[in-house]
Structure formats: C-alpha cells, structure tokens
Amino acid sequence: MFVLLQIYPPEAIAEDDDCCCCLDVIAVDSSWTRLEQFLAGYETRYRAAVAAFCLWDDMSKEWGDEHDAKMNELSDEYRVFGSLIPETRFEILETQTSKPASLASAAYY
C-alpha cells in the first residue's frame, strides 16, 4: 500500500496548537502509479486554490473567521483538502503495513 501525503512547512503550525503534526494523508492506494496520476490533477487544483486564496488574502489583517470561511469555500470549489499554504509539498510513500509495528512507530498512533 502507498499513501499520498500533503506536507506543510513547520512554521504552518500555530504557536497555540498542541498538535505536533504538519501533514495530511490525502489518499491511500495499492498502486503507486494511480497515486501519481491522482497527484498530477490534485496538485494542479491545490496550487490553483492556494493562488486564489493568496489573491484574496489581505496580509495586513489578523487571521479570522472570514479567512476560515474563504479557505473552506476554495477547498470545496477546487476539491482539495487541508490548509492552503504555498510551501506545501507532496510525497508518496510505501506503508509498512506488511511489517510488524515497532514500539517506536506505535508511539505515533
């Protein structure tokens, strides 16, 4: 099995956020090729959504409810997930489901 990760830059985590993770799992598939094909379309839509958000955003204002609403609107319109951050990158990784979990990896679940 393979997973498609949407990886945010470390500075994307809010200072008051207890979460220590800066990624989303976007898709899971048994085929690397199918995930690559999905990513080709998804990343294009994601970059377009980010560009639209950046055009709309007035960087002189603090983040507020209107930002959340616009991000949700654009995510729906472009059919993308997660935060709209320009420095986001994508990676396809093979899962380790066929191997027994170690104690170190079990700590992340």
N, C-alpha and C. Protein backbone atom coordinates (compact mmCIF):
# COMPACT_ATOMS: atom_id res chain seq x y z
N MET A 1 0.84 -1.18 0.00
CA MET A 1 0.00 0.00 0.00
C MET A 1 0.88 1.24 0.00
N PHE A 2 0.32 2.30 -0.59
CA PHE A 2 1.02 3.57 -0.67
C PHE A 2 0.11 4.68 -0.15
N VAL A 3 0.73 5.73 0.39
CA VAL A 3 -0.02 6.89 0.87
C VAL A 3 0.49 8.15 0.19
N LEU A 4 -0.43 9.05 -0.08
CA LEU A 4 -0.08 10.37 -0.61
C LEU A 4 -0.18 11.36 0.54
N LEU A 5 0.94 11.99 0.86
CA LEU A 5 1.00 12.95 1.96
C LEU A 5 1.02 14.37 1.43
N GLN A 6 0.31 15.24 2.10
CA GLN A 6 0.35 16.68 1.86
C GLN A 6 1.10 17.25 3.06
N ILE A 7 2.32 17.72 2.82
CA ILE A 7 3.24 18.08 3.91
C ILE A 7 3.39 19.60 3.97
N TYR A 8 3.04 20.16 5.12
CA TYR A 8 3.10 21.61 5.32
C TYR A 8 4.46 21.99 5.91
N PRO A 9 4.89 23.22 5.69
CA PRO A 9 6.14 23.66 6.32
C PRO A 9 5.97 23.73 7.84
N PRO A 10 7.03 23.52 8.59
CA PRO A 10 6.93 23.51 10.06
C PRO A 10 6.33 24.80 10.63
N GLU A 11 6.57 25.92 10.00
CA GLU A 11 6.05 27.19 10.52
C GLU A 11 4.53 27.31 10.34
N ALA A 12 3.91 26.35 9.69
CA ALA A 12 2.46 26.37 9.50
C ALA A 12 1.70 26.01 10.78
N ILE A 13 2.36 25.43 11.75
CA ILE A 13 1.71 25.06 13.00
C ILE A 13 1.57 26.30 13.87
N ALA A 14 0.35 26.55 14.31
CA ALA A 14 0.10 27.71 15.17
C ALA A 14 0.82 27.54 16.50
N GLU A 15 1.28 28.65 17.05
CA GLU A 15 2.02 28.60 18.32
C GLU A 15 1.17 28.05 19.46
N ASP A 16 -0.14 28.28 19.41
CA ASP A 16 -1.00 27.82 20.49
C ASP A 16 -1.64 26.46 20.18
N ASP A 17 -1.15 25.78 19.16
CA ASP A 17 -1.70 24.49 18.76
C ASP A 17 -0.91 23.38 19.44
N ASP A 18 -1.62 22.47 20.09
CA ASP A 18 -0.97 21.34 20.76
C ASP A 18 -0.55 20.25 19.79
N CYS A 19 -1.03 20.33 18.58
CA CYS A 19 -0.74 19.31 17.56
C CYS A 19 0.72 19.46 17.11
N CYS A 20 1.41 18.36 16.98
CA CYS A 20 2.81 18.42 16.55
C CYS A 20 2.98 17.90 15.12
N CYS A 21 1.89 17.72 14.42
CA CYS A 21 1.95 17.14 13.09
C CYS A 21 1.67 18.21 12.04
N CYS A 22 2.39 18.15 10.97
CA CYS A 22 2.17 19.15 9.92
C CYS A 22 1.99 18.47 8.56
N LEU A 23 1.10 17.46 8.53
CA LEU A 23 0.80 16.79 7.26
C LEU A 23 -0.61 16.23 7.29
N ASP A 24 -1.12 15.98 6.09
CA ASP A 24 -2.41 15.30 5.92
C ASP A 24 -2.19 14.12 5.00
N VAL A 25 -2.87 13.02 5.27
CA VAL A 25 -2.90 11.89 4.35
C VAL A 25 -4.06 12.16 3.40
N ILE A 26 -3.75 12.32 2.12
CA ILE A 26 -4.75 12.70 1.12
C ILE A 26 -5.38 11.48 0.46
N ALA A 27 -4.59 10.45 0.22
CA ALA A 27 -5.11 9.25 -0.45
C ALA A 27 -4.27 8.04 -0.08
N VAL A 28 -4.90 6.88 -0.16
CA VAL A 28 -4.23 5.60 0.07
C VAL A 28 -4.63 4.69 -1.08
N ASP A 29 -3.66 3.98 -1.64
CA ASP A 29 -3.95 3.09 -2.77
C ASP A 29 -2.89 1.99 -2.82
N SER A 30 -3.25 0.89 -3.42
CA SER A 30 -2.29 -0.20 -3.59
C SER A 30 -1.36 0.04 -4.78
N SER A 31 -1.66 1.07 -5.58
CA SER A 31 -0.88 1.35 -6.79
C SER A 31 -0.18 2.70 -6.70
N TRP A 32 1.14 2.68 -6.80
CA TRP A 32 1.94 3.91 -6.84
C TRP A 32 1.54 4.73 -8.06
N THR A 33 1.35 4.06 -9.19
CA THR A 33 1.00 4.73 -10.45
C THR A 33 -0.33 5.48 -10.33
N ARG A 34 -1.33 4.83 -9.73
CA ARG A 34 -2.63 5.51 -9.57
C ARG A 34 -2.50 6.74 -8.68
N LEU A 35 -1.67 6.65 -7.62
CA LEU A 35 -1.46 7.82 -6.76
C LEU A 35 -0.73 8.93 -7.51
N GLU A 36 0.23 8.58 -8.33
CA GLU A 36 0.92 9.59 -9.14
C GLU A 36 -0.05 10.28 -10.09
N GLN A 37 -0.93 9.51 -10.70
CA GLN A 37 -1.93 10.07 -11.61
C GLN A 37 -2.89 10.98 -10.85
N PHE A 38 -3.33 10.52 -9.68
CA PHE A 38 -4.21 11.34 -8.86
C PHE A 38 -3.51 12.64 -8.45
N LEU A 39 -2.24 12.52 -8.03
CA LEU A 39 -1.48 13.68 -7.59
C LEU A 39 -1.32 14.71 -8.70
N ALA A 40 -1.14 14.27 -9.94
CA ALA A 40 -0.97 15.21 -11.05
C ALA A 40 -2.15 16.17 -11.12
N GLY A 41 -3.36 15.66 -11.02
CA GLY A 41 -4.54 16.52 -11.05
C GLY A 41 -4.75 17.26 -9.74
N TYR A 42 -4.54 16.55 -8.63
CA TYR A 42 -4.77 17.14 -7.32
C TYR A 42 -3.84 18.33 -7.07
N GLU A 43 -2.56 18.15 -7.37
CA GLU A 43 -1.61 19.24 -7.10
C GLU A 43 -1.92 20.47 -7.93
N THR A 44 -2.36 20.27 -9.16
CA THR A 44 -2.74 21.40 -10.01
C THR A 44 -3.91 22.17 -9.38
N ARG A 45 -4.91 21.42 -8.90
CA ARG A 45 -6.07 22.07 -8.25
C ARG A 45 -5.64 22.74 -6.95
N TYR A 46 -4.76 22.07 -6.18
CA TYR A 46 -4.30 22.62 -4.91
C TYR A 46 -3.56 23.94 -5.14
N ARG A 47 -2.64 23.96 -6.09
CA ARG A 47 -1.87 25.19 -6.38
C ARG A 47 -2.79 26.32 -6.84
N ALA A 48 -3.83 25.99 -7.62
CA ALA A 48 -4.79 27.00 -8.06
C ALA A 48 -5.58 27.54 -6.87
N ALA A 49 -5.97 26.68 -5.94
CA ALA A 49 -6.69 27.11 -4.74
C ALA A 49 -5.80 28.01 -3.88
N VAL A 50 -4.54 27.64 -3.73
CA VAL A 50 -3.60 28.46 -2.96
C VAL A 50 -3.45 29.83 -3.61
N ALA A 51 -3.30 29.86 -4.93
CA ALA A 51 -3.15 31.14 -5.64
C ALA A 51 -4.39 32.01 -5.45
N ALA A 52 -5.57 31.41 -5.54
CA ALA A 52 -6.81 32.16 -5.35
C ALA A 52 -6.91 32.72 -3.93
N PHE A 53 -6.50 31.91 -2.94
CA PHE A 53 -6.53 32.38 -1.56
C PHE A 53 -5.54 33.53 -1.36
N CYS A 54 -4.35 33.40 -1.92
CA CYS A 54 -3.33 34.45 -1.78
C CYS A 54 -3.78 35.75 -2.43
N LEU A 55 -4.48 35.66 -3.55
CA LEU A 55 -5.00 36.87 -4.20
C LEU A 55 -6.06 37.55 -3.34
N TRP A 56 -6.87 36.75 -2.66
CA TRP A 56 -7.95 37.27 -1.83
C TRP A 56 -7.42 37.83 -0.51
N ASP A 57 -6.42 37.20 0.08
CA ASP A 57 -5.97 37.50 1.44
C ASP A 57 -5.32 38.87 1.56
N ASP A 58 -5.78 39.61 2.54
CA ASP A 58 -5.17 40.88 2.91
C ASP A 58 -4.23 40.58 4.07
N MET A 59 -2.93 40.47 3.77
CA MET A 59 -1.95 40.04 4.76
C MET A 59 -1.82 41.00 5.94
N SER A 60 -2.38 42.21 5.82
CA SER A 60 -2.26 43.15 6.94
C SER A 60 -3.27 42.84 8.04
N LYS A 61 -4.24 41.97 7.76
CA LYS A 61 -5.25 41.62 8.76
C LYS A 61 -4.86 40.33 9.48
N GLU A 62 -5.26 40.25 10.74
CA GLU A 62 -5.09 39.02 11.51
C GLU A 62 -6.02 37.95 10.95
N TRP A 63 -5.62 36.70 11.12
CA TRP A 63 -6.45 35.58 10.67
C TRP A 63 -7.75 35.60 11.48
N GLY A 64 -8.87 35.46 10.78
CA GLY A 64 -10.17 35.47 11.46
C GLY A 64 -11.15 34.51 10.81
N ASP A 65 -12.40 34.61 11.22
CA ASP A 65 -13.44 33.74 10.71
C ASP A 65 -13.60 33.85 9.19
N GLU A 66 -13.41 35.05 8.66
CA GLU A 66 -13.54 35.22 7.20
C GLU A 66 -12.46 34.44 6.44
N HIS A 67 -11.29 34.30 7.05
CA HIS A 67 -10.23 33.50 6.44
C HIS A 67 -10.62 32.03 6.41
N ASP A 68 -11.14 31.54 7.53
CA ASP A 68 -11.59 30.15 7.59
C ASP A 68 -12.68 29.89 6.55
N ALA A 69 -13.63 30.82 6.45
CA ALA A 69 -14.73 30.66 5.50
C ALA A 69 -14.22 30.65 4.06
N LYS A 70 -13.29 31.55 3.73
CA LYS A 70 -12.75 31.60 2.37
C LYS A 70 -11.94 30.35 2.06
N MET A 71 -11.15 29.88 3.02
CA MET A 71 -10.38 28.67 2.81
C MET A 71 -11.30 27.48 2.55
N ASN A 72 -12.37 27.38 3.34
CA ASN A 72 -13.34 26.30 3.14
C ASN A 72 -14.04 26.41 1.79
N GLU A 73 -14.40 27.62 1.41
CA GLU A 73 -15.04 27.85 0.11
C GLU A 73 -14.13 27.41 -1.03
N LEU A 74 -12.87 27.81 -0.99
CA LEU A 74 -11.92 27.45 -2.05
C LEU A 74 -11.61 25.96 -2.03
N SER A 75 -11.52 25.38 -0.86
CA SER A 75 -11.28 23.93 -0.77
C SER A 75 -12.41 23.16 -1.44
N ASP A 76 -13.64 23.59 -1.21
CA ASP A 76 -14.79 22.95 -1.86
C ASP A 76 -14.76 23.19 -3.37
N GLU A 77 -14.51 24.41 -3.76
CA GLU A 77 -14.51 24.77 -5.19
C GLU A 77 -13.45 23.99 -5.97
N TYR A 78 -12.27 23.87 -5.41
CA TYR A 78 -11.16 23.21 -6.11
C TYR A 78 -11.03 21.73 -5.75
N ARG A 79 -11.87 21.26 -4.83
CA ARG A 79 -11.88 19.85 -4.41
C ARG A 79 -10.51 19.43 -3.86
N VAL A 80 -10.04 20.19 -2.87
CA VAL A 80 -8.77 19.91 -2.20
C VAL A 80 -9.02 19.86 -0.69
N PHE A 81 -8.02 19.42 0.05
CA PHE A 81 -8.14 19.22 1.49
C PHE A 81 -7.05 19.99 2.23
N GLY A 82 -7.30 20.23 3.50
CA GLY A 82 -6.27 20.79 4.37
C GLY A 82 -6.09 22.28 4.22
N SER A 83 -4.98 22.75 4.74
CA SER A 83 -4.64 24.17 4.71
C SER A 83 -4.09 24.57 3.34
N LEU A 84 -4.35 25.80 2.96
CA LEU A 84 -3.87 26.31 1.66
C LEU A 84 -2.61 27.13 1.89
N ILE A 85 -1.47 26.46 1.82
CA ILE A 85 -0.18 27.07 2.14
C ILE A 85 0.75 26.89 0.94
N PRO A 86 1.31 27.99 0.41
CA PRO A 86 2.13 27.90 -0.80
C PRO A 86 3.31 26.93 -0.71
N GLU A 87 3.96 26.82 0.44
CA GLU A 87 5.16 25.98 0.57
C GLU A 87 4.85 24.50 0.76
N THR A 88 3.58 24.12 0.69
CA THR A 88 3.19 22.72 0.86
C THR A 88 3.82 21.87 -0.23
N ARG A 89 4.25 20.67 0.18
CA ARG A 89 4.79 19.73 -0.81
C ARG A 89 4.05 18.41 -0.67
N PHE A 90 4.23 17.54 -1.64
CA PHE A 90 3.53 16.27 -1.68
C PHE A 90 4.53 15.14 -1.81
N GLU A 91 4.20 14.02 -1.19
CA GLU A 91 5.09 12.87 -1.24
C GLU A 91 4.27 11.59 -1.20
N ILE A 92 4.67 10.62 -2.01
CA ILE A 92 4.06 9.30 -1.99
C ILE A 92 5.04 8.36 -1.30
N LEU A 93 4.55 7.66 -0.27
CA LEU A 93 5.39 6.72 0.48
C LEU A 93 4.72 5.36 0.54
N GLU A 94 5.55 4.33 0.61
CA GLU A 94 5.02 2.99 0.81
C GLU A 94 4.75 2.80 2.29
N THR A 95 3.61 2.22 2.62
CA THR A 95 3.29 1.97 4.02
C THR A 95 4.07 0.77 4.53
N GLN A 96 4.10 0.61 5.80
CA GLN A 96 4.79 -0.51 6.42
C GLN A 96 3.79 -1.50 6.98
N THR A 97 2.61 -1.59 6.39
CA THR A 97 1.55 -2.44 6.93
C THR A 97 1.89 -3.92 6.91
N SER A 98 2.80 -4.32 6.03
CA SER A 98 3.14 -5.74 5.96
C SER A 98 4.17 -6.13 7.01
N LYS A 99 4.73 -5.15 7.70
CA LYS A 99 5.74 -5.42 8.73
C LYS A 99 5.12 -5.20 10.11
N PRO A 100 5.57 -5.92 11.12
CA PRO A 100 5.06 -5.69 12.46
C PRO A 100 5.45 -4.30 12.95
N ALA A 101 4.56 -3.65 13.65
CA ALA A 101 4.84 -2.32 14.18
C ALA A 101 5.87 -2.41 15.29
N SER A 102 6.81 -1.50 15.29
CA SER A 102 7.79 -1.43 16.37
C SER A 102 7.22 -0.54 17.48
N LEU A 103 7.82 -0.59 18.63
CA LEU A 103 7.37 0.26 19.72
C LEU A 103 7.55 1.73 19.36
N ALA A 104 8.63 2.05 18.65
CA ALA A 104 8.88 3.45 18.29
C ALA A 104 7.80 3.97 17.35
N SER A 105 7.42 3.19 16.34
CA SER A 105 6.39 3.67 15.42
C SER A 105 5.02 3.63 16.06
N ALA A 106 4.77 2.73 17.00
CA ALA A 106 3.48 2.64 17.65
C ALA A 106 3.20 3.90 18.49
N ALA A 107 4.23 4.59 18.93
CA ALA A 107 4.05 5.79 19.72
C ALA A 107 3.39 6.91 18.94
N TYR A 108 3.44 6.86 17.62
CA TYR A 108 2.86 7.91 16.80
C TYR A 108 1.37 7.71 16.57
N TYR A 109 0.83 6.58 16.94
CA TYR A 109 -0.59 6.28 16.66
C TYR A 109 -1.46 6.51 17.86
